[in-house]
């Protein structure tokens, strides 16, 4: 699941991975393009080999968040 912040006003630190959170926002189902998936993989520090394996778009749920509460 992708969580995007309205107007990039705040970011969710990676350290929250595995934590329970409550998100206030709107969820939509979207299709992420191969180009965007490769961009995300580059940002995550994936290897060129891993990035080259991305060949199909991905259907996913994206939440446009207004706020996040960490429990």
PDB file of N, CA and C in Angstrom:
ATOM      1  N   UNK A   1       0.846  -1.169   0.000  1.00  0.00           N
ATOM      2  CA  UNK A   1       0.000   0.000   0.000  1.00  0.00           C
ATOM      3  C   UNK A   1       0.894   1.236   0.000  1.00  0.00           C
ATOM      4  N   UNK A   2       0.537   2.193  -0.809  1.00  0.00           N
ATOM      5  CA  UNK A   2       1.282   3.452  -0.890  1.00  0.00           C
ATOM      6  C   UNK A   2       0.504   4.506  -0.117  1.00  0.00           C
ATOM      7  N   UNK A   3       1.210   5.256   0.727  1.00  0.00           N
ATOM      8  CA  UNK A   3       0.600   6.373   1.447  1.00  0.00           C
ATOM      9  C   UNK A   3       1.268   7.648   0.970  1.00  0.00           C
ATOM     10  N   UNK A   4       0.459   8.551   0.430  1.00  0.00           N
ATOM     11  CA  UNK A   4       0.975   9.841  -0.034  1.00  0.00           C
ATOM     12  C   UNK A   4       0.396  10.930   0.856  1.00  0.00           C
ATOM     13  N   UNK A   5       1.192  11.960   1.110  1.00  0.00           N
ATOM     14  CA  UNK A   5       0.745  13.055   1.941  1.00  0.00           C
ATOM     15  C   UNK A   5       0.301  14.225   1.076  1.00  0.00           C
ATOM     16  N   UNK A   6      -0.821  14.808   1.425  1.00  0.00           N
ATOM     17  CA  UNK A   6      -1.336  15.942   0.662  1.00  0.00           C
ATOM     18  C   UNK A   6      -0.298  17.056   0.628  1.00  0.00           C
ATOM     19  N   UNK A   7       0.026  17.515  -0.559  1.00  0.00           N
ATOM     20  CA  UNK A   7       0.988  18.599  -0.775  1.00  0.00           C
ATOM     21  C   UNK A   7       2.361  18.312  -0.172  1.00  0.00           C
ATOM     22  N   UNK A   8       2.674  17.050   0.082  1.00  0.00           N
ATOM     23  CA  UNK A   8       3.965  16.649   0.668  1.00  0.00           C
ATOM     24  C   UNK A   8       4.262  17.408   1.961  1.00  0.00           C
ATOM     25  N   UNK A   9       3.220  17.660   2.769  1.00  0.00           N
ATOM     26  CA  UNK A   9       3.389  18.446   3.997  1.00  0.00           C
ATOM     27  C   UNK A   9       4.079  17.667   5.109  1.00  0.00           C
ATOM     28  N   UNK A  10       4.063  16.348   5.028  1.00  0.00           N
ATOM     29  CA  UNK A  10       4.784  15.540   6.009  1.00  0.00           C
ATOM     30  C   UNK A  10       5.175  14.222   5.371  1.00  0.00           C
ATOM     31  N   UNK A  11       6.117  13.540   5.993  1.00  0.00           N
ATOM     32  CA  UNK A  11       6.599  12.260   5.466  1.00  0.00           C
ATOM     33  C   UNK A  11       6.531  11.207   6.565  1.00  0.00           C
ATOM     34  N   UNK A  12       6.427   9.967   6.164  1.00  0.00           N
ATOM     35  CA  UNK A  12       6.404   8.857   7.111  1.00  0.00           C
ATOM     36  C   UNK A  12       7.795   8.237   7.130  1.00  0.00           C
ATOM     37  N   UNK A  13       8.483   8.284   8.280  1.00  0.00           N
ATOM     38  CA  UNK A  13       9.826   7.704   8.332  1.00  0.00           C
ATOM     39  C   UNK A  13       9.805   6.182   8.172  1.00  0.00           C
ATOM     40  N   UNK A  14      10.818   5.648   7.541  1.00  0.00           N
ATOM     41  CA  UNK A  14      10.930   4.209   7.322  1.00  0.00           C
ATOM     42  C   UNK A  14      10.954   3.453   8.650  1.00  0.00           C
ATOM     43  N   UNK A  15      11.402   4.079   9.706  1.00  0.00           N
ATOM     44  CA  UNK A  15      11.476   3.424  11.024  1.00  0.00           C
ATOM     45  C   UNK A  15      10.096   2.961  11.511  1.00  0.00           C
ATOM     46  N   UNK A  16       9.022   3.488  10.915  1.00  0.00           N
ATOM     47  CA  UNK A  16       7.674   3.067  11.306  1.00  0.00           C
ATOM     48  C   UNK A  16       7.267   1.737  10.689  1.00  0.00           C
ATOM     49  N   UNK A  17       8.106   1.155   9.851  1.00  0.00           N
ATOM     50  CA  UNK A  17       7.808  -0.133   9.240  1.00  0.00           C
ATOM     51  C   UNK A  17       7.522  -1.155  10.334  1.00  0.00           C
ATOM     52  N   UNK A  18       6.354  -1.787  10.266  1.00  0.00           N
ATOM     53  CA  UNK A  18       5.976  -2.793  11.253  1.00  0.00           C
ATOM     54  C   UNK A  18       5.202  -2.234  12.434  1.00  0.00           C
ATOM     55  N   UNK A  19       5.099  -0.919  12.542  1.00  0.00           N
ATOM     56  CA  UNK A  19       4.347  -0.285  13.633  1.00  0.00           C
ATOM     57  C   UNK A  19       2.873  -0.214  13.257  1.00  0.00           C
ATOM     58  N   UNK A  20       2.021  -0.137  14.277  1.00  0.00           N
ATOM     59  CA  UNK A  20       0.589   0.048  14.042  1.00  0.00           C
ATOM     60  C   UNK A  20       0.327   1.549  13.936  1.00  0.00           C
ATOM     61  N   UNK A  21      -0.417   1.914  12.872  1.00  0.00           N
ATOM     62  CA  UNK A  21      -0.748   3.313  12.670  1.00  0.00           C
ATOM     63  C   UNK A  21      -2.220   3.451  12.292  1.00  0.00           C
ATOM     64  N   UNK A  22      -2.743   4.654  12.477  1.00  0.00           N
ATOM     65  CA  UNK A  22      -4.082   4.998  12.017  1.00  0.00           C
ATOM     66  C   UNK A  22      -3.904   6.129  11.010  1.00  0.00           C
ATOM     67  N   UNK A  23      -4.495   5.977   9.833  1.00  0.00           N
ATOM     68  CA  UNK A  23      -4.366   6.970   8.774  1.00  0.00           C
ATOM     69  C   UNK A  23      -5.719   7.627   8.534  1.00  0.00           C
ATOM     70  N   UNK A  24      -5.711   8.956   8.485  1.00  0.00           N
ATOM     71  CA  UNK A  24      -6.885   9.720   8.106  1.00  0.00           C
ATOM     72  C   UNK A  24      -6.677  10.138   6.657  1.00  0.00           C
ATOM     73  N   UNK A  25      -7.509   9.627   5.749  1.00  0.00           N
ATOM     74  CA  UNK A  25      -7.327   9.969   4.346  1.00  0.00           C
ATOM     75  C   UNK A  25      -8.328   9.269   3.462  1.00  0.00           C
ATOM     76  N   UNK A  26      -8.070   9.341   2.162  1.00  0.00           N
ATOM     77  CA  UNK A  26      -8.951   8.741   1.164  1.00  0.00           C
ATOM     78  C   UNK A  26      -8.156   7.697   0.379  1.00  0.00           C
ATOM     79  N   UNK A  27      -8.706   6.489   0.298  1.00  0.00           N
ATOM     80  CA  UNK A  27      -8.038   5.398  -0.416  1.00  0.00           C
ATOM     81  C   UNK A  27      -8.647   5.230  -1.806  1.00  0.00           C
ATOM     82  N   UNK A  28      -7.779   4.977  -2.794  1.00  0.00           N
ATOM     83  CA  UNK A  28      -8.228   4.695  -4.148  1.00  0.00           C
ATOM     84  C   UNK A  28      -7.382   3.564  -4.719  1.00  0.00           C
ATOM     85  N   UNK A  29      -7.966   2.807  -5.645  1.00  0.00           N
ATOM     86  CA  UNK A  29      -7.207   1.775  -6.326  1.00  0.00           C
ATOM     87  C   UNK A  29      -6.634   2.394  -7.594  1.00  0.00           C
ATOM     88  N   UNK A  30      -5.332   2.231  -7.791  1.00  0.00           N
ATOM     89  CA  UNK A  30      -4.674   2.806  -8.957  1.00  0.00           C
ATOM     90  C   UNK A  30      -3.768   1.762  -9.605  1.00  0.00           C
ATOM     91  N   UNK A  31      -3.255   2.115 -10.767  1.00  0.00           N
ATOM     92  CA  UNK A  31      -2.252   1.295 -11.427  1.00  0.00           C
ATOM     93  C   UNK A  31      -0.987   2.136 -11.525  1.00  0.00           C
ATOM     94  N   UNK A  32       0.104   1.643 -10.944  1.00  0.00           N
ATOM     95  CA  UNK A  32       1.382   2.343 -10.961  1.00  0.00           C
ATOM     96  C   UNK A  32       2.170   1.867 -12.175  1.00  0.00           C
ATOM     97  N   UNK A  33       2.655   2.822 -12.962  1.00  0.00           N
ATOM     98  CA  UNK A  33       3.365   2.499 -14.197  1.00  0.00           C
ATOM     99  C   UNK A  33       4.724   1.863 -13.917  1.00  0.00           C
ATOM    100  N   UNK A  34       5.251   1.186 -14.921  1.00  0.00           N
ATOM    101  CA  UNK A  34       6.586   0.589 -14.819  1.00  0.00           C
ATOM    102  C   UNK A  34       7.614   1.684 -14.539  1.00  0.00           C
ATOM    103  N   UNK A  35       7.486   2.817 -15.227  1.00  0.00           N
ATOM    104  CA  UNK A  35       8.422   3.934 -15.031  1.00  0.00           C
ATOM    105  C   UNK A  35       8.426   4.389 -13.568  1.00  0.00           C
ATOM    106  N   UNK A  36       7.238   4.558 -12.987  1.00  0.00           N
ATOM    107  CA  UNK A  36       7.148   5.001 -11.592  1.00  0.00           C
ATOM    108  C   UNK A  36       7.662   3.930 -10.640  1.00  0.00           C
ATOM    109  N   UNK A  37       7.358   2.659 -10.907  1.00  0.00           N
ATOM    110  CA  UNK A  37       7.850   1.572 -10.060  1.00  0.00           C
ATOM    111  C   UNK A  37       9.374   1.530 -10.066  1.00  0.00           C
ATOM    112  N   UNK A  38       9.971   1.747 -11.235  1.00  0.00           N
ATOM    113  CA  UNK A  38      11.433   1.766 -11.322  1.00  0.00           C
ATOM    114  C   UNK A  38      11.998   2.951 -10.552  1.00  0.00           C
ATOM    115  N   UNK A  39      11.324   4.089 -10.616  1.00  0.00           N
ATOM    116  CA  UNK A  39      11.750   5.269  -9.857  1.00  0.00           C
ATOM    117  C   UNK A  39      11.721   4.973  -8.353  1.00  0.00           C
ATOM    118  N   UNK A  40      10.630   4.360  -7.890  1.00  0.00           N
ATOM    119  CA  UNK A  40      10.529   4.001  -6.474  1.00  0.00           C
ATOM    120  C   UNK A  40      11.647   3.034  -6.078  1.00  0.00           C
ATOM    121  N   UNK A  41      11.939   2.074  -6.945  1.00  0.00           N
ATOM    122  CA  UNK A  41      12.993   1.090  -6.669  1.00  0.00           C
ATOM    123  C   UNK A  41      14.358   1.776  -6.579  1.00  0.00           C
ATOM    124  N   UNK A  42      14.608   2.739  -7.463  1.00  0.00           N
ATOM    125  CA  UNK A  42      15.872   3.496  -7.403  1.00  0.00           C
ATOM    126  C   UNK A  42      15.965   4.255  -6.094  1.00  0.00           C
ATOM    127  N   UNK A  43      14.869   4.918  -5.700  1.00  0.00           N
ATOM    128  CA  UNK A  43      14.843   5.664  -4.440  1.00  0.00           C
ATOM    129  C   UNK A  43      15.092   4.759  -3.241  1.00  0.00           C
ATOM    130  N   UNK A  44      14.664   3.502  -3.355  1.00  0.00           N
ATOM    131  CA  UNK A  44      14.841   2.541  -2.256  1.00  0.00           C
ATOM    132  C   UNK A  44      16.225   1.897  -2.273  1.00  0.00           C
ATOM    133  N   UNK A  45      17.066   2.269  -3.257  1.00  0.00           N
ATOM    134  CA  UNK A  45      18.421   1.732  -3.306  1.00  0.00           C
ATOM    135  C   UNK A  45      18.527   0.331  -3.885  1.00  0.00           C
ATOM    136  N   UNK A  46      17.532  -0.082  -4.655  1.00  0.00           N
ATOM    137  CA  UNK A  46      17.573  -1.413  -5.273  1.00  0.00           C
ATOM    138  C   UNK A  46      18.684  -1.480  -6.320  1.00  0.00           C
ATOM    139  N   UNK A  47      19.175  -2.678  -6.578  1.00  0.00           N
ATOM    140  CA  UNK A  47      20.241  -2.867  -7.560  1.00  0.00           C
ATOM    141  C   UNK A  47      19.689  -2.711  -8.981  1.00  0.00           C
ATOM    142  N   UNK A  48      20.579  -2.496  -9.943  1.00  0.00           N
ATOM    143  CA  UNK A  48      20.172  -2.371 -11.349  1.00  0.00           C
ATOM    144  C   UNK A  48      19.495  -3.655 -11.822  1.00  0.00           C
ATOM    145  N   UNK A  49      19.963  -4.795 -11.318  1.00  0.00           N
ATOM    146  CA  UNK A  49      19.375  -6.080 -11.696  1.00  0.00           C
ATOM    147  C   UNK A  49      17.924  -6.174 -11.206  1.00  0.00           C
ATOM    148  N   UNK A  50      17.695  -5.745  -9.956  1.00  0.00           N
ATOM    149  CA  UNK A  50      16.338  -5.785  -9.406  1.00  0.00           C
ATOM    150  C   UNK A  50      15.418  -4.835 -10.177  1.00  0.00           C
ATOM    151  N   UNK A  51      15.927  -3.658 -10.510  1.00  0.00           N
ATOM    152  CA  UNK A  51      15.133  -2.670 -11.235  1.00  0.00           C
ATOM    153  C   UNK A  51      14.797  -3.182 -12.632  1.00  0.00           C
ATOM    154  N   UNK A  52      15.734  -3.858 -13.278  1.00  0.00           N
ATOM    155  CA  UNK A  52      15.508  -4.391 -14.628  1.00  0.00           C
ATOM    156  C   UNK A  52      14.395  -5.445 -14.643  1.00  0.00           C
ATOM    157  N   UNK A  53      14.142  -6.104 -13.518  1.00  0.00           N
ATOM    158  CA  UNK A  53      13.100  -7.129 -13.437  1.00  0.00           C
ATOM    159  C   UNK A  53      11.689  -6.535 -13.392  1.00  0.00           C
ATOM    160  N   UNK A  54      11.591  -5.227 -13.206  1.00  0.00           N
ATOM    161  CA  UNK A  54      10.283  -4.573 -13.172  1.00  0.00           C
ATOM    162  C   UNK A  54       9.828  -4.354 -14.614  1.00  0.00           C
ATOM    163  N   UNK A  55       8.842  -5.133 -15.034  1.00  0.00           N
ATOM    164  CA  UNK A  55       8.412  -5.083 -16.443  1.00  0.00           C
ATOM    165  C   UNK A  55       6.907  -4.907 -16.618  1.00  0.00           C
ATOM    166  N   UNK A  56       6.147  -4.917 -15.527  1.00  0.00           N
ATOM    167  CA  UNK A  56       4.702  -4.787 -15.625  1.00  0.00           C
ATOM    168  C   UNK A  56       4.186  -3.770 -14.625  1.00  0.00           C
ATOM    169  N   UNK A  57       3.130  -3.028 -14.992  1.00  0.00           N
ATOM    170  CA  UNK A  57       2.528  -2.096 -14.037  1.00  0.00           C
ATOM    171  C   UNK A  57       1.926  -2.866 -12.860  1.00  0.00           C
ATOM    172  N   UNK A  58       1.677  -2.158 -11.774  1.00  0.00           N
ATOM    173  CA  UNK A  58       1.197  -2.804 -10.555  1.00  0.00           C
ATOM    174  C   UNK A  58      -0.094  -2.131 -10.080  1.00  0.00           C
ATOM    175  N   UNK A  59      -1.130  -2.948  -9.872  1.00  0.00           N
ATOM    176  CA  UNK A  59      -2.366  -2.434  -9.280  1.00  0.00           C
ATOM    177  C   UNK A  59      -2.171  -2.383  -7.775  1.00  0.00           C
ATOM    178  N   UNK A  60      -2.522  -1.239  -7.170  1.00  0.00           N
ATOM    179  CA  UNK A  60      -2.356  -1.106  -5.726  1.00  0.00           C
ATOM    180  C   UNK A  60      -3.319  -0.078  -5.165  1.00  0.00           C
ATOM    181  N   UNK A  61      -3.420  -0.074  -3.858  1.00  0.00           N
ATOM    182  CA  UNK A  61      -4.236   0.904  -3.157  1.00  0.00           C
ATOM    183  C   UNK A  61      -3.319   2.037  -2.703  1.00  0.00           C
ATOM    184  N   UNK A  62      -3.727   3.273  -3.029  1.00  0.00           N
ATOM    185  CA  UNK A  62      -2.976   4.456  -2.627  1.00  0.00           C
ATOM    186  C   UNK A  62      -3.868   5.274  -1.702  1.00  0.00           C
ATOM    187  N   UNK A  63      -3.306   5.692  -0.552  1.00  0.00           N
ATOM    188  CA  UNK A  63      -4.043   6.525   0.371  1.00  0.00           C
ATOM    189  C   UNK A  63      -3.476   7.932   0.335  1.00  0.00           C
ATOM    190  N   UNK A  64      -4.354   8.910   0.065  1.00  0.00           N
ATOM    191  CA  UNK A  64      -3.982  10.317   0.154  1.00  0.00           C
ATOM    192  C   UNK A  64      -4.266  10.719   1.595  1.00  0.00           C
ATOM    193  N   UNK A  65      -3.200  10.796   2.407  1.00  0.00           N
ATOM    194  CA  UNK A  65      -3.354  10.984   3.850  1.00  0.00           C
ATOM    195  C   UNK A  65      -3.402  12.450   4.244  1.00  0.00           C
ATOM    196  N   UNK A  66      -4.289  12.755   5.192  1.00  0.00           N
ATOM    197  CA  UNK A  66      -4.339  14.083   5.803  1.00  0.00           C
ATOM    198  C   UNK A  66      -3.554  14.059   7.112  1.00  0.00           C
ATOM    199  N   UNK A  67      -3.416  12.860   7.714  1.00  0.00           N
ATOM    200  CA  UNK A  67      -2.686  12.725   8.963  1.00  0.00           C
ATOM    201  C   UNK A  67      -2.472  11.270   9.322  1.00  0.00           C
ATOM    202  N   UNK A  68      -1.465  11.042  10.152  1.00  0.00           N
ATOM    203  CA  UNK A  68      -1.140   9.690  10.597  1.00  0.00           C
ATOM    204  C   UNK A  68      -0.892   9.711  12.101  1.00  0.00           C
ATOM    205  N   UNK A  69      -1.467   8.740  12.792  1.00  0.00           N
ATOM    206  CA  UNK A  69      -1.269   8.578  14.232  1.00  0.00           C
ATOM    207  C   UNK A  69      -0.526   7.278  14.455  1.00  0.00           C
ATOM    208  N   UNK A  70       0.609   7.322  15.158  1.00  0.00           N
ATOM    209  CA  UNK A  70       1.377   6.126  15.479  1.00  0.00           C
ATOM    210  C   UNK A  70       0.898   5.629  16.840  1.00  0.00           C
ATOM    211  N   UNK A  71       0.505   4.358  16.885  1.00  0.00           N
ATOM    212  CA  UNK A  71      -0.001   3.772  18.143  1.00  0.00           C
ATOM    213  C   UNK A  71       1.114   3.216  18.990  1.00  0.00           C
TER     214      UNK A  71
END
